[in-house]
Amino acid sequence: MTGRMPRLIATVVIILGAAVGNGDETESPRKAIEQASAAYAEAYNARNYDALADQWVAQAELIEGGSRVVGRDEIMASIKGWVDKHGEATIHIDVEQVDLVSASLARVAGAIQFSPSKDEPPIPSRFSSLRVLEGGTWRLAESVVAPSHAAALHDLGWLIGSWQATDDKTGMTVDLVVEQAAGGFALVGRTMMRSKTGGTREAIEVIHADRDDGLIRTSIIDSLGAHAEGVVESDGTTLNRVLTGVPGDAVAGSRVQYVQTLTPGGDGKFTLHSIERSIDGRPVPDGPPLHFTKQESSQPK
């Protein structure tokens, strides 16, 4: 998304369509694009950001699952953010189909293998890209990636564990526990909110990847009767939960919409902030940011 999200694993992976110089005029576009894909993977694996940036046109679009990043600079910032989180990650690209739309425009499709580290098996995804011949070089104008279930949820793995936050204004304490479920095809989050006066509110969230489109979908229900559904978007660093649903029984209104941003802070910390909130189309103030800290028992040994 251009306004909110700067993925997911896919952000780094989708660039695999790449571009390559067309110095040999007798070289076929398919061969040039295949070489470009190999060169792109090599540049990514070597962390050669200048070479990666040169693969994109200025106003390129990167779409992965529910996330959309527009502009070469924004795409590179997203890639760098992903690399900061996955320092050992490598990619491999297989071009399976090249369709020439014109002498300077091609549609390309294939498979991407993303390896988070040397000790982890590669995660497969599919991609479809649009490339243009610009100044003698095939550059990427658009890339759309459909991640597998494993790839889609992999970028949320840092959430697994026990977390706690306190609202400085109200004194409310929030405990969050996130666990893998359904053989790794889902994450389940359980939230308990306790006020200073002793009142409690519980919520359960189920997050899973849609098999057809790779979108990360979420469903939340709480003990006051509120429930909401939506998608989780990522630029490789920040997560956005874009939600629509029904408010609790004590709230006047029948439809709520809001966005929850989850921004990692490093050292076992993240901030959750509810923004762009409305009830029946009427804007309401943003919620207070909650600063979560991972509890000792869930820190990696």
C-alpha atoms as a PDB file:
ATOM      1  CA  MET A   1       0.000   0.000   0.000  1.00  0.00           C
ATOM      2  CA  THR A   2       1.292   3.430  -0.801  1.00  0.00           C
ATOM      3  CA  GLY A   3      -0.177   5.252   2.193  1.00  0.00           C
ATOM      4  CA  ARG A   4       0.472   2.823   4.974  1.00  0.00           C
ATOM      5  CA  MET A   5       2.912   0.149   4.378  1.00  0.00           C
ATOM      6  CA  PRO A   6       6.302   0.675   3.409  1.00  0.00           C
ATOM      7  CA  ARG A   7       5.399  -7.949   3.472  1.00  0.00           C
ATOM      8  CA  LEU A   8       6.760 -10.091   3.651  1.00  0.00           C
ATOM      9  CA  ILE A   9       8.851 -12.267   2.523  1.00  0.00           C
ATOM     10  CA  ALA A  10       7.683 -11.507  -0.723  1.00  0.00           C
ATOM     11  CA  THR A  11       8.958  -7.976  -0.829  1.00  0.00           C
ATOM     12  CA  VAL A  12      12.437  -9.243  -1.152  1.00  0.00           C
ATOM     13  CA  VAL A  13      11.476 -12.153  -3.263  1.00  0.00           C
ATOM     14  CA  ILE A  14       9.299 -10.551  -5.862  1.00  0.00           C
ATOM     15  CA  ILE A  15      11.978  -8.527  -7.386  1.00  0.00           C
ATOM     16  CA  LEU A  16      13.188 -11.559  -9.018  1.00  0.00           C
ATOM     17  CA  GLY A  17      12.032 -10.583 -12.405  1.00  0.00           C
ATOM     18  CA  ALA A  18      14.987  -8.258 -12.695  1.00  0.00           C
ATOM     19  CA  ALA A  19      16.478  -6.552 -15.703  1.00  0.00           C
ATOM     20  CA  VAL A  20      19.560  -6.910 -17.792  1.00  0.00           C
ATOM     21  CA  GLY A  21      21.549  -4.943 -20.337  1.00  0.00           C
ATOM     22  CA  ASN A  22      20.804  -5.834 -23.962  1.00  0.00           C
ATOM     23  CA  GLY A  23      24.271  -5.310 -25.365  1.00  0.00           C
ATOM     24  CA  ASP A  24      24.015  -8.137 -27.917  1.00  0.00           C
ATOM     25  CA  GLU A  25      21.252  -7.115 -30.296  1.00  0.00           C
ATOM     26  CA  THR A  26      20.985 -10.656 -31.645  1.00  0.00           C
ATOM     27  CA  GLU A  27      20.241 -12.047 -28.206  1.00  0.00           C
ATOM     28  CA  SER A  28      16.627 -13.154 -27.782  1.00  0.00           C
ATOM     29  CA  PRO A  29      14.460 -11.366 -25.190  1.00  0.00           C
ATOM     30  CA  ARG A  30      13.839 -14.658 -23.401  1.00  0.00           C
ATOM     31  CA  LYS A  31      17.545 -15.340 -23.006  1.00  0.00           C
ATOM     32  CA  ALA A  32      18.136 -11.762 -21.869  1.00  0.00           C
ATOM     33  CA  ILE A  33      15.388 -12.020 -19.240  1.00  0.00           C
ATOM     34  CA  GLU A  34      16.634 -15.401 -18.022  1.00  0.00           C
ATOM     35  CA  GLN A  35      20.113 -13.923 -17.634  1.00  0.00           C
ATOM     36  CA  ALA A  36      18.578 -10.918 -15.903  1.00  0.00           C
ATOM     37  CA  SER A  37      16.841 -13.146 -13.372  1.00  0.00           C
ATOM     38  CA  ALA A  38      20.094 -14.931 -12.579  1.00  0.00           C
ATOM     39  CA  ALA A  39      21.911 -11.581 -12.326  1.00  0.00           C
ATOM     40  CA  TYR A  40      19.214 -10.199 -10.035  1.00  0.00           C
ATOM     41  CA  ALA A  41      19.455 -13.154  -7.664  1.00  0.00           C
ATOM     42  CA  GLU A  42      23.243 -12.841  -7.678  1.00  0.00           C
ATOM     43  CA  ALA A  43      23.021  -9.119  -6.853  1.00  0.00           C
ATOM     44  CA  TYR A  44      20.511  -9.721  -4.065  1.00  0.00           C
ATOM     45  CA  ASN A  45      22.556 -12.527  -2.547  1.00  0.00           C
ATOM     46  CA  ALA A  46      25.639 -10.276  -2.658  1.00  0.00           C
ATOM     47  CA  ARG A  47      23.652  -7.326  -1.181  1.00  0.00           C
ATOM     48  CA  ASN A  48      24.570  -5.171  -4.188  1.00  0.00           C
ATOM     49  CA  TYR A  49      21.832  -2.566  -3.746  1.00  0.00           C
ATOM     50  CA  ASP A  50      23.006  -0.316  -6.562  1.00  0.00           C
ATOM     51  CA  ALA A  51      22.647  -3.180  -9.034  1.00  0.00           C
ATOM     52  CA  LEU A  52      19.233  -4.075  -7.618  1.00  0.00           C
ATOM     53  CA  ALA A  53      17.961  -0.507  -7.875  1.00  0.00           C
ATOM     54  CA  ASP A  54      19.035  -0.336 -11.511  1.00  0.00           C
ATOM     55  CA  GLN A  55      16.668  -3.205 -12.294  1.00  0.00           C
ATOM     56  CA  TRP A  56      13.552  -1.091 -11.630  1.00  0.00           C
ATOM     57  CA  VAL A  57      11.974   1.782 -13.535  1.00  0.00           C
ATOM     58  CA  ALA A  58      11.430   4.907 -11.465  1.00  0.00           C
ATOM     59  CA  GLN A  59       7.704   4.307 -10.900  1.00  0.00           C
ATOM     60  CA  ALA A  60       7.761   0.519 -10.629  1.00  0.00           C
ATOM     61  CA  GLU A  61       5.144  -1.319  -8.578  1.00  0.00           C
ATOM     62  CA  LEU A  62       5.762  -4.274  -6.297  1.00  0.00           C
ATOM     63  CA  ILE A  63       2.690  -6.282  -5.260  1.00  0.00           C
ATOM     64  CA  GLU A  64       2.832  -9.256  -2.923  1.00  0.00           C
ATOM     65  CA  GLY A  65      -0.269 -10.727  -1.342  1.00  0.00           C
ATOM     66  CA  GLY A  66      -2.147  -7.697   0.001  1.00  0.00           C
ATOM     67  CA  SER A  67       0.842  -5.344  -0.015  1.00  0.00           C
ATOM     68  CA  ARG A  68       1.718  -2.786  -2.683  1.00  0.00           C
ATOM     69  CA  VAL A  69       4.848  -0.637  -2.844  1.00  0.00           C
ATOM     70  CA  VAL A  70       5.176   2.058  -5.536  1.00  0.00           C
ATOM     71  CA  GLY A  71       8.406   3.701  -6.685  1.00  0.00           C
ATOM     72  CA  ARG A  72      11.977   2.473  -7.045  1.00  0.00           C
ATOM     73  CA  ASP A  73      13.203   4.218  -3.876  1.00  0.00           C
ATOM     74  CA  GLU A  74      10.321   2.857  -1.825  1.00  0.00           C
ATOM     75  CA  ILE A  75      10.876  -0.660  -3.160  1.00  0.00           C
ATOM     76  CA  MET A  76      14.574  -0.513  -2.307  1.00  0.00           C
ATOM     77  CA  ALA A  77      13.785   0.724   1.199  1.00  0.00           C
ATOM     78  CA  SER A  78      11.432  -2.226   1.618  1.00  0.00           C
ATOM     79  CA  ILE A  79      14.070  -4.679   0.377  1.00  0.00           C
ATOM     80  CA  LYS A  80      16.701  -3.279   2.727  1.00  0.00           C
ATOM     81  CA  GLY A  81      14.279  -3.522   5.635  1.00  0.00           C
ATOM     82  CA  TRP A  82      13.689  -7.159   4.809  1.00  0.00           C
ATOM     83  CA  VAL A  83      17.407  -7.895   4.562  1.00  0.00           C
ATOM     84  CA  ASP A  84      17.988  -6.269   7.952  1.00  0.00           C
ATOM     85  CA  LYS A  85      15.612  -8.843   9.442  1.00  0.00           C
ATOM     86  CA  HIS A  86      16.903 -11.829   7.459  1.00  0.00           C
ATOM     87  CA  GLY A  87      20.630 -11.308   7.128  1.00  0.00           C
ATOM     88  CA  GLU A  88      21.355 -14.799   5.744  1.00  0.00           C
ATOM     89  CA  ALA A  89      18.475 -14.929   3.247  1.00  0.00           C
ATOM     90  CA  THR A  90      19.145 -15.907  -0.358  1.00  0.00           C
ATOM     91  CA  ILE A  91      16.940 -16.240  -3.437  1.00  0.00           C
ATOM     92  CA  HIS A  92      16.816 -18.317  -6.619  1.00  0.00           C
ATOM     93  CA  ILE A  93      14.635 -17.548  -9.669  1.00  0.00           C
ATOM     94  CA  ASP A  94      13.353 -19.825 -12.418  1.00  0.00           C
ATOM     95  CA  VAL A  95      11.819 -18.101 -15.463  1.00  0.00           C
ATOM     96  CA  GLU A  96       9.209 -20.427 -16.956  1.00  0.00           C
ATOM     97  CA  GLN A  97       7.351 -18.238 -19.461  1.00  0.00           C
ATOM     98  CA  VAL A  98       8.123 -15.094 -21.460  1.00  0.00           C
ATOM     99  CA  ASP A  99       5.418 -13.487 -23.616  1.00  0.00           C
ATOM    100  CA  LEU A 100       6.438 -10.549 -25.807  1.00  0.00           C
ATOM    101  CA  VAL A 101       3.666  -7.950 -25.892  1.00  0.00           C
ATOM    102  CA  SER A 102       5.781  -5.772 -28.168  1.00  0.00           C
ATOM    103  CA  ALA A 103       9.430  -5.308 -29.060  1.00  0.00           C
ATOM    104  CA  SER A 104       9.958  -3.409 -25.800  1.00  0.00           C
ATOM    105  CA  LEU A 105       7.388  -4.995 -23.463  1.00  0.00           C
ATOM    106  CA  ALA A 106       7.287  -8.514 -21.997  1.00  0.00           C
ATOM    107  CA  ARG A 107       5.199 -10.495 -19.520  1.00  0.00           C
ATOM    108  CA  VAL A 108       7.226 -12.994 -17.509  1.00  0.00           C
ATOM    109  CA  ALA A 109       6.138 -15.737 -15.102  1.00  0.00           C
ATOM    110  CA  GLY A 110       8.010 -18.246 -13.009  1.00  0.00           C
ATOM    111  CA  ALA A 111       8.959 -19.545  -9.580  1.00  0.00           C
ATOM    112  CA  ILE A 112      10.967 -18.083  -6.711  1.00  0.00           C
ATOM    113  CA  GLN A 113      12.810 -20.011  -4.017  1.00  0.00           C
ATOM    114  CA  PHE A 114      13.511 -18.041  -0.838  1.00  0.00           C
ATOM    115  CA  SER A 115      15.951 -19.530   1.692  1.00  0.00           C
ATOM    116  CA  PRO A 116      15.724 -17.726   5.076  1.00  0.00           C
ATOM    117  CA  SER A 117      19.061 -19.203   6.207  1.00  0.00           C
ATOM    118  CA  LYS A 118      21.527 -21.989   5.461  1.00  0.00           C
ATOM    119  CA  ASP A 119      19.788 -24.264   7.962  1.00  0.00           C
ATOM    120  CA  GLU A 120      16.223 -23.755   6.728  1.00  0.00           C
ATOM    121  CA  PRO A 121      14.603 -25.301   3.635  1.00  0.00           C
ATOM    122  CA  PRO A 122      13.683 -22.949   0.751  1.00  0.00           C
ATOM    123  CA  ILE A 123      10.180 -21.493   0.630  1.00  0.00           C
ATOM    124  CA  PRO A 124       8.500 -21.474  -2.824  1.00  0.00           C
ATOM    125  CA  SER A 125       6.415 -18.680  -4.361  1.00  0.00           C
ATOM    126  CA  ARG A 126       5.105 -17.787  -7.829  1.00  0.00           C
ATOM    127  CA  PHE A 127       5.635 -14.488  -9.664  1.00  0.00           C
ATOM    128  CA  SER A 128       4.316 -12.620 -12.695  1.00  0.00           C
ATOM    129  CA  SER A 129       6.161  -9.540 -13.919  1.00  0.00           C
ATOM    130  CA  LEU A 130       5.979  -6.827 -16.559  1.00  0.00           C
ATOM    131  CA  ARG A 131       9.273  -5.689 -18.058  1.00  0.00           C
ATOM    132  CA  VAL A 132      10.064  -2.840 -20.396  1.00  0.00           C
ATOM    133  CA  LEU A 133      13.106  -2.206 -22.596  1.00  0.00           C
ATOM    134  CA  GLU A 134      14.358   1.162 -21.373  1.00  0.00           C
ATOM    135  CA  GLY A 135      17.557   2.688 -22.721  1.00  0.00           C
ATOM    136  CA  GLY A 136      18.749  -0.680 -23.997  1.00  0.00           C
ATOM    137  CA  THR A 137      18.075  -2.383 -20.646  1.00  0.00           C
ATOM    138  CA  TRP A 138      15.163  -4.614 -19.650  1.00  0.00           C
ATOM    139  CA  ARG A 139      13.793  -3.129 -16.436  1.00  0.00           C
ATOM    140  CA  LEU A 140      11.030  -4.217 -14.130  1.00  0.00           C
ATOM    141  CA  ALA A 141       7.898  -2.048 -14.253  1.00  0.00           C
ATOM    142  CA  GLU A 142       5.619  -4.305 -12.220  1.00  0.00           C
ATOM    143  CA  SER A 143       6.050  -7.506 -10.224  1.00  0.00           C
ATOM    144  CA  VAL A 144       3.267  -9.510  -8.595  1.00  0.00           C
ATOM    145  CA  VAL A 145       4.142 -12.341  -6.221  1.00  0.00           C
ATOM    146  CA  ALA A 146       1.785 -15.024  -4.906  1.00  0.00           C
ATOM    147  CA  PRO A 147       3.525 -16.569  -1.884  1.00  0.00           C
ATOM    148  CA  SER A 148       2.876 -20.084  -0.658  1.00  0.00           C
ATOM    149  CA  HIS A 149       1.252 -20.628   2.725  1.00  0.00           C
ATOM    150  CA  ALA A 150       4.635 -21.067   4.343  1.00  0.00           C
ATOM    151  CA  ALA A 151       6.087 -18.000   2.661  1.00  0.00           C
ATOM    152  CA  ALA A 152       3.120 -15.812   3.537  1.00  0.00           C
ATOM    153  CA  LEU A 153       3.245 -16.601   7.268  1.00  0.00           C
ATOM    154  CA  HIS A 154       7.011 -16.800   7.576  1.00  0.00           C
ATOM    155  CA  ASP A 155       7.322 -13.034   7.889  1.00  0.00           C
ATOM    156  CA  LEU A 156       5.082 -13.056  10.960  1.00  0.00           C
ATOM    157  CA  GLY A 157       7.172 -15.556  12.875  1.00  0.00           C
ATOM    158  CA  TRP A 158       8.689 -12.869  15.097  1.00  0.00           C
ATOM    159  CA  LEU A 159       5.273 -12.406  16.738  1.00  0.00           C
ATOM    160  CA  ILE A 160       5.294 -15.900  18.246  1.00  0.00           C
ATOM    161  CA  GLY A 161       5.729 -15.747  22.024  1.00  0.00           C
ATOM    162  CA  SER A 162       4.390 -13.926  25.088  1.00  0.00           C
ATOM    163  CA  TRP A 163       4.164 -10.127  25.159  1.00  0.00           C
ATOM    164  CA  GLN A 164       3.008  -7.465  27.602  1.00  0.00           C
ATOM    165  CA  ALA A 165       2.149  -3.752  27.369  1.00  0.00           C
ATOM    166  CA  THR A 166       0.716  -1.113  29.725  1.00  0.00           C
ATOM    167  CA  ASP A 167      -1.403   1.881  28.734  1.00  0.00           C
ATOM    168  CA  ASP A 168       0.329   4.788  30.491  1.00  0.00           C
ATOM    169  CA  LYS A 169      -2.855   6.893  30.643  1.00  0.00           C
ATOM    170  CA  THR A 170      -5.342   4.332  31.939  1.00  0.00           C
ATOM    171  CA  GLY A 171      -3.024   1.856  33.631  1.00  0.00           C
ATOM    172  CA  MET A 172      -4.566  -1.013  31.649  1.00  0.00           C
ATOM    173  CA  THR A 173      -2.289  -4.041  31.243  1.00  0.00           C
ATOM    174  CA  VAL A 174      -2.390  -6.045  28.011  1.00  0.00           C
ATOM    175  CA  ASP A 175      -1.028  -9.598  27.804  1.00  0.00           C
ATOM    176  CA  LEU A 176      -0.649 -11.190  24.348  1.00  0.00           C
ATOM    177  CA  VAL A 177       0.309 -14.788  23.556  1.00  0.00           C
ATOM    178  CA  VAL A 178       0.861 -15.819  19.895  1.00  0.00           C
ATOM    179  CA  GLU A 179       1.284 -19.490  18.941  1.00  0.00           C
ATOM    180  CA  GLN A 180       1.547 -21.548  15.779  1.00  0.00           C
ATOM    181  CA  ALA A 181      -1.484 -23.716  15.031  1.00  0.00           C
ATOM    182  CA  ALA A 182      -2.905 -26.077  12.390  1.00  0.00           C
ATOM    183  CA  GLY A 183       0.456 -27.563  11.512  1.00  0.00           C
ATOM    184  CA  GLY A 184       2.016 -24.162  10.892  1.00  0.00           C
ATOM    185  CA  PHE A 185      -0.706 -22.951   8.521  1.00  0.00           C
ATOM    186  CA  ALA A 186      -2.115 -20.504  11.083  1.00  0.00           C
ATOM    187  CA  LEU A 187      -1.173 -18.269  13.992  1.00  0.00           C
ATOM    188  CA  VAL A 188      -3.483 -17.895  16.987  1.00  0.00           C
ATOM    189  CA  GLY A 189      -3.239 -14.842  19.227  1.00  0.00           C
ATOM    190  CA  ARG A 190      -4.905 -14.604  22.657  1.00  0.00           C
ATOM    191  CA  THR A 191      -5.159 -11.192  24.293  1.00  0.00           C
ATOM    192  CA  MET A 192      -6.166 -10.411  27.883  1.00  0.00           C
ATOM    193  CA  MET A 193      -6.773  -6.759  28.855  1.00  0.00           C
ATOM    194  CA  ARG A 194      -6.978  -5.900  32.572  1.00  0.00           C
ATOM    195  CA  SER A 195      -8.038  -2.475  33.818  1.00  0.00           C
ATOM    196  CA  LYS A 196      -6.853  -0.890  37.092  1.00  0.00           C
ATOM    197  CA  THR A 197     -10.336  -1.420  38.525  1.00  0.00           C
ATOM    198  CA  GLY A 198     -10.203  -5.169  37.903  1.00  0.00           C
ATOM    199  CA  GLY A 199     -12.298  -5.433  34.740  1.00  0.00           C
ATOM    200  CA  THR A 200     -11.123  -7.785  32.000  1.00  0.00           C
ATOM    201  CA  ARG A 201     -11.617  -8.155  28.259  1.00  0.00           C
ATOM    202  CA  GLU A 202     -10.454 -11.111  26.176  1.00  0.00           C
ATOM    203  CA  ALA A 203      -9.863 -11.418  22.436  1.00  0.00           C
ATOM    204  CA  ILE A 204      -8.865 -14.241  20.109  1.00  0.00           C
ATOM    205  CA  GLU A 205      -7.304 -13.731  16.665  1.00  0.00           C
ATOM    206  CA  VAL A 206      -6.720 -16.340  13.964  1.00  0.00           C
ATOM    207  CA  ILE A 207      -4.278 -15.486  11.149  1.00  0.00           C
ATOM    208  CA  HIS A 208      -3.879 -17.658   8.061  1.00  0.00           C
ATOM    209  CA  ALA A 209      -2.750 -17.430   4.433  1.00  0.00           C
ATOM    210  CA  ASP A 210      -5.326 -17.670   1.661  1.00  0.00           C
ATOM    211  CA  ARG A 211      -4.406 -20.555  -0.618  1.00  0.00           C
ATOM    212  CA  ASP A 212      -5.712 -18.888  -3.794  1.00  0.00           C
ATOM    213  CA  ASP A 213      -4.216 -15.405  -3.622  1.00  0.00           C
ATOM    214  CA  GLY A 214      -1.556 -15.545  -0.906  1.00  0.00           C
ATOM    215  CA  LEU A 215      -3.289 -12.840   1.148  1.00  0.00           C
ATOM    216  CA  ILE A 216      -2.804 -13.087   4.898  1.00  0.00           C
ATOM    217  CA  ARG A 217      -6.285 -13.010   6.401  1.00  0.00           C
ATOM    218  CA  THR A 218      -7.232 -12.390  10.007  1.00  0.00           C
ATOM    219  CA  SER A 219     -10.361 -12.786  12.129  1.00  0.00           C
ATOM    220  CA  ILE A 220     -10.777 -11.313  15.626  1.00  0.00           C
ATOM    221  CA  ILE A 221     -13.546 -11.791  18.213  1.00  0.00           C
ATOM    222  CA  ASP A 222     -13.671 -10.487  21.790  1.00  0.00           C
ATOM    223  CA  SER A 223     -15.606 -11.070  24.996  1.00  0.00           C
ATOM    224  CA  LEU A 224     -17.756  -7.931  24.539  1.00  0.00           C
ATOM    225  CA  GLY A 225     -19.296  -9.221  21.309  1.00  0.00           C
ATOM    226  CA  ALA A 226     -17.107  -7.293  18.885  1.00  0.00           C
ATOM    227  CA  HIS A 227     -15.667  -9.057  15.862  1.00  0.00           C
ATOM    228  CA  ALA A 228     -13.735  -8.019  12.764  1.00  0.00           C
ATOM    229  CA  GLU A 229     -12.114  -9.538   9.694  1.00  0.00           C
ATOM    230  CA  GLY A 230      -9.496  -8.254   7.291  1.00  0.00           C
ATOM    231  CA  VAL A 231      -6.023  -8.713   5.865  1.00  0.00           C
ATOM    232  CA  VAL A 232      -2.497  -8.345   7.209  1.00  0.00           C
ATOM    233  CA  GLU A 233      -0.170  -6.359   4.959  1.00  0.00           C
ATOM    234  CA  SER A 234       3.589  -5.972   5.216  1.00  0.00           C
ATOM    235  CA  ASP A 235       6.445  -4.129   3.560  1.00  0.00           C
ATOM    236  CA  GLY A 236       8.981  -6.460   5.106  1.00  0.00           C
ATOM    237  CA  THR A 237       9.190  -4.453   8.339  1.00  0.00           C
ATOM    238  CA  THR A 238       5.878  -2.993   9.512  1.00  0.00           C
ATOM    239  CA  LEU A 239       2.605  -4.931   9.634  1.00  0.00           C
ATOM    240  CA  ASN A 240      -0.834  -3.411   9.016  1.00  0.00           C
ATOM    241  CA  ARG A 241      -4.034  -5.184  10.018  1.00  0.00           C
ATOM    242  CA  VAL A 242      -6.797  -3.623   7.890  1.00  0.00           C
ATOM    243  CA  LEU A 243     -10.078  -4.557   9.578  1.00  0.00           C
ATOM    244  CA  THR A 244     -13.843  -4.215   9.151  1.00  0.00           C
ATOM    245  CA  GLY A 245     -16.431  -5.574  11.547  1.00  0.00           C
ATOM    246  CA  VAL A 246     -19.056  -5.055  14.239  1.00  0.00           C
ATOM    247  CA  PRO A 247     -18.466  -3.156  17.520  1.00  0.00           C
ATOM    248  CA  GLY A 248     -19.152  -4.568  20.973  1.00  0.00           C
ATOM    249  CA  ASP A 249     -22.639  -4.545  22.510  1.00  0.00           C
ATOM    250  CA  ALA A 250     -21.962  -1.377  24.529  1.00  0.00           C
ATOM    251  CA  VAL A 251     -21.008   0.690  21.453  1.00  0.00           C
ATOM    252  CA  ALA A 252     -23.660   2.532  19.450  1.00  0.00           C
ATOM    253  CA  GLY A 253     -23.264   1.649  15.799  1.00  0.00           C
ATOM    254  CA  SER A 254     -23.223  -1.372  13.537  1.00  0.00           C
ATOM    255  CA  ARG A 255     -20.001  -1.142  11.505  1.00  0.00           C
ATOM    256  CA  VAL A 256     -16.414  -0.402  12.509  1.00  0.00           C
ATOM    257  CA  GLN A 257     -13.337   0.079  10.350  1.00  0.00           C
ATOM    258  CA  TYR A 258      -9.771   0.543  11.541  1.00  0.00           C
ATOM    259  CA  VAL A 259      -6.119  -0.169  10.873  1.00  0.00           C
ATOM    260  CA  GLN A 260      -3.725  -1.605  13.447  1.00  0.00           C
ATOM    261  CA  THR A 261      -0.038  -0.983  12.754  1.00  0.00           C
ATOM    262  CA  LEU A 262       2.544  -3.281  14.347  1.00  0.00           C
ATOM    263  CA  THR A 263       6.017  -1.783  14.187  1.00  0.00           C
ATOM    264  CA  PRO A 264       8.998  -3.838  15.451  1.00  0.00           C
ATOM    265  CA  GLY A 265      11.335  -1.898  17.715  1.00  0.00           C
ATOM    266  CA  GLY A 266      14.162  -4.393  18.067  1.00  0.00           C
ATOM    267  CA  ASP A 267      15.336  -6.144  21.245  1.00  0.00           C
ATOM    268  CA  GLY A 268      12.032  -7.953  21.730  1.00  0.00           C
ATOM    269  CA  LYS A 269       9.783  -4.920  21.385  1.00  0.00           C
ATOM    270  CA  PHE A 270       7.001  -3.718  19.078  1.00  0.00           C
ATOM    271  CA  THR A 271       4.391  -0.953  19.060  1.00  0.00           C
ATOM    272  CA  LEU A 272       0.716  -1.517  18.247  1.00  0.00           C
ATOM    273  CA  HIS A 273      -1.355   1.510  17.210  1.00  0.00           C
ATOM    274  CA  SER A 274      -5.020   1.605  16.142  1.00  0.00           C
ATOM    275  CA  ILE A 275      -5.523   4.351  13.540  1.00  0.00           C
ATOM    276  CA  GLU A 276      -7.945   5.436  10.787  1.00  0.00           C
ATOM    277  CA  ARG A 277     -10.854   4.368  12.981  1.00  0.00           C
ATOM    278  CA  SER A 278     -14.519   4.941  12.189  1.00  0.00           C
ATOM    279  CA  ILE A 279     -17.980   3.812  13.360  1.00  0.00           C
ATOM    280  CA  ASP A 280     -20.696   3.775  10.703  1.00  0.00           C
ATOM    281  CA  GLY A 281     -18.433   5.957   8.548  1.00  0.00           C
ATOM    282  CA  ARG A 282     -17.890   8.608  11.245  1.00  0.00           C
ATOM    283  CA  PRO A 283     -14.215   9.113  12.177  1.00  0.00           C
ATOM    284  CA  VAL A 284     -13.204   8.514  15.788  1.00  0.00           C
ATOM    285  CA  PRO A 285      -9.863   9.376  17.442  1.00  0.00           C
ATOM    286  CA  ASP A 286      -6.878   7.073  17.100  1.00  0.00           C
ATOM    287  CA  GLY A 287      -6.252   4.727  19.995  1.00  0.00           C
ATOM    288  CA  PRO A 288      -3.190   5.173  22.230  1.00  0.00           C
ATOM    289  CA  PRO A 289      -0.030   3.374  21.069  1.00  0.00           C
ATOM    290  CA  LEU A 290       0.792   0.270  23.096  1.00  0.00           C
ATOM    291  CA  HIS A 291       4.461  -0.612  23.518  1.00  0.00           C
ATOM    292  CA  PHE A 292       4.861  -4.385  23.889  1.00  0.00           C
ATOM    293  CA  THR A 293       7.876  -6.145  25.370  1.00  0.00           C
ATOM    294  CA  LYS A 294       8.558  -9.853  24.894  1.00  0.00           C
ATOM    295  CA  GLN A 295       8.524 -11.712  28.176  1.00  0.00           C
ATOM    296  CA  GLU A 296      11.628 -13.523  29.415  1.00  0.00           C
ATOM    297  CA  SER A 297      10.087 -16.964  29.164  1.00  0.00           C
ATOM    298  CA  SER A 298       9.514 -16.537  25.395  1.00  0.00           C
ATOM    299  CA  GLN A 299      12.870 -14.993  24.523  1.00  0.00           C
ATOM    300  CA  PRO A 300      15.070 -17.258  22.359  1.00  0.00           C
ATOM    301  CA  LYS A 301      17.757 -19.100  24.303  1.00  0.00           C
END
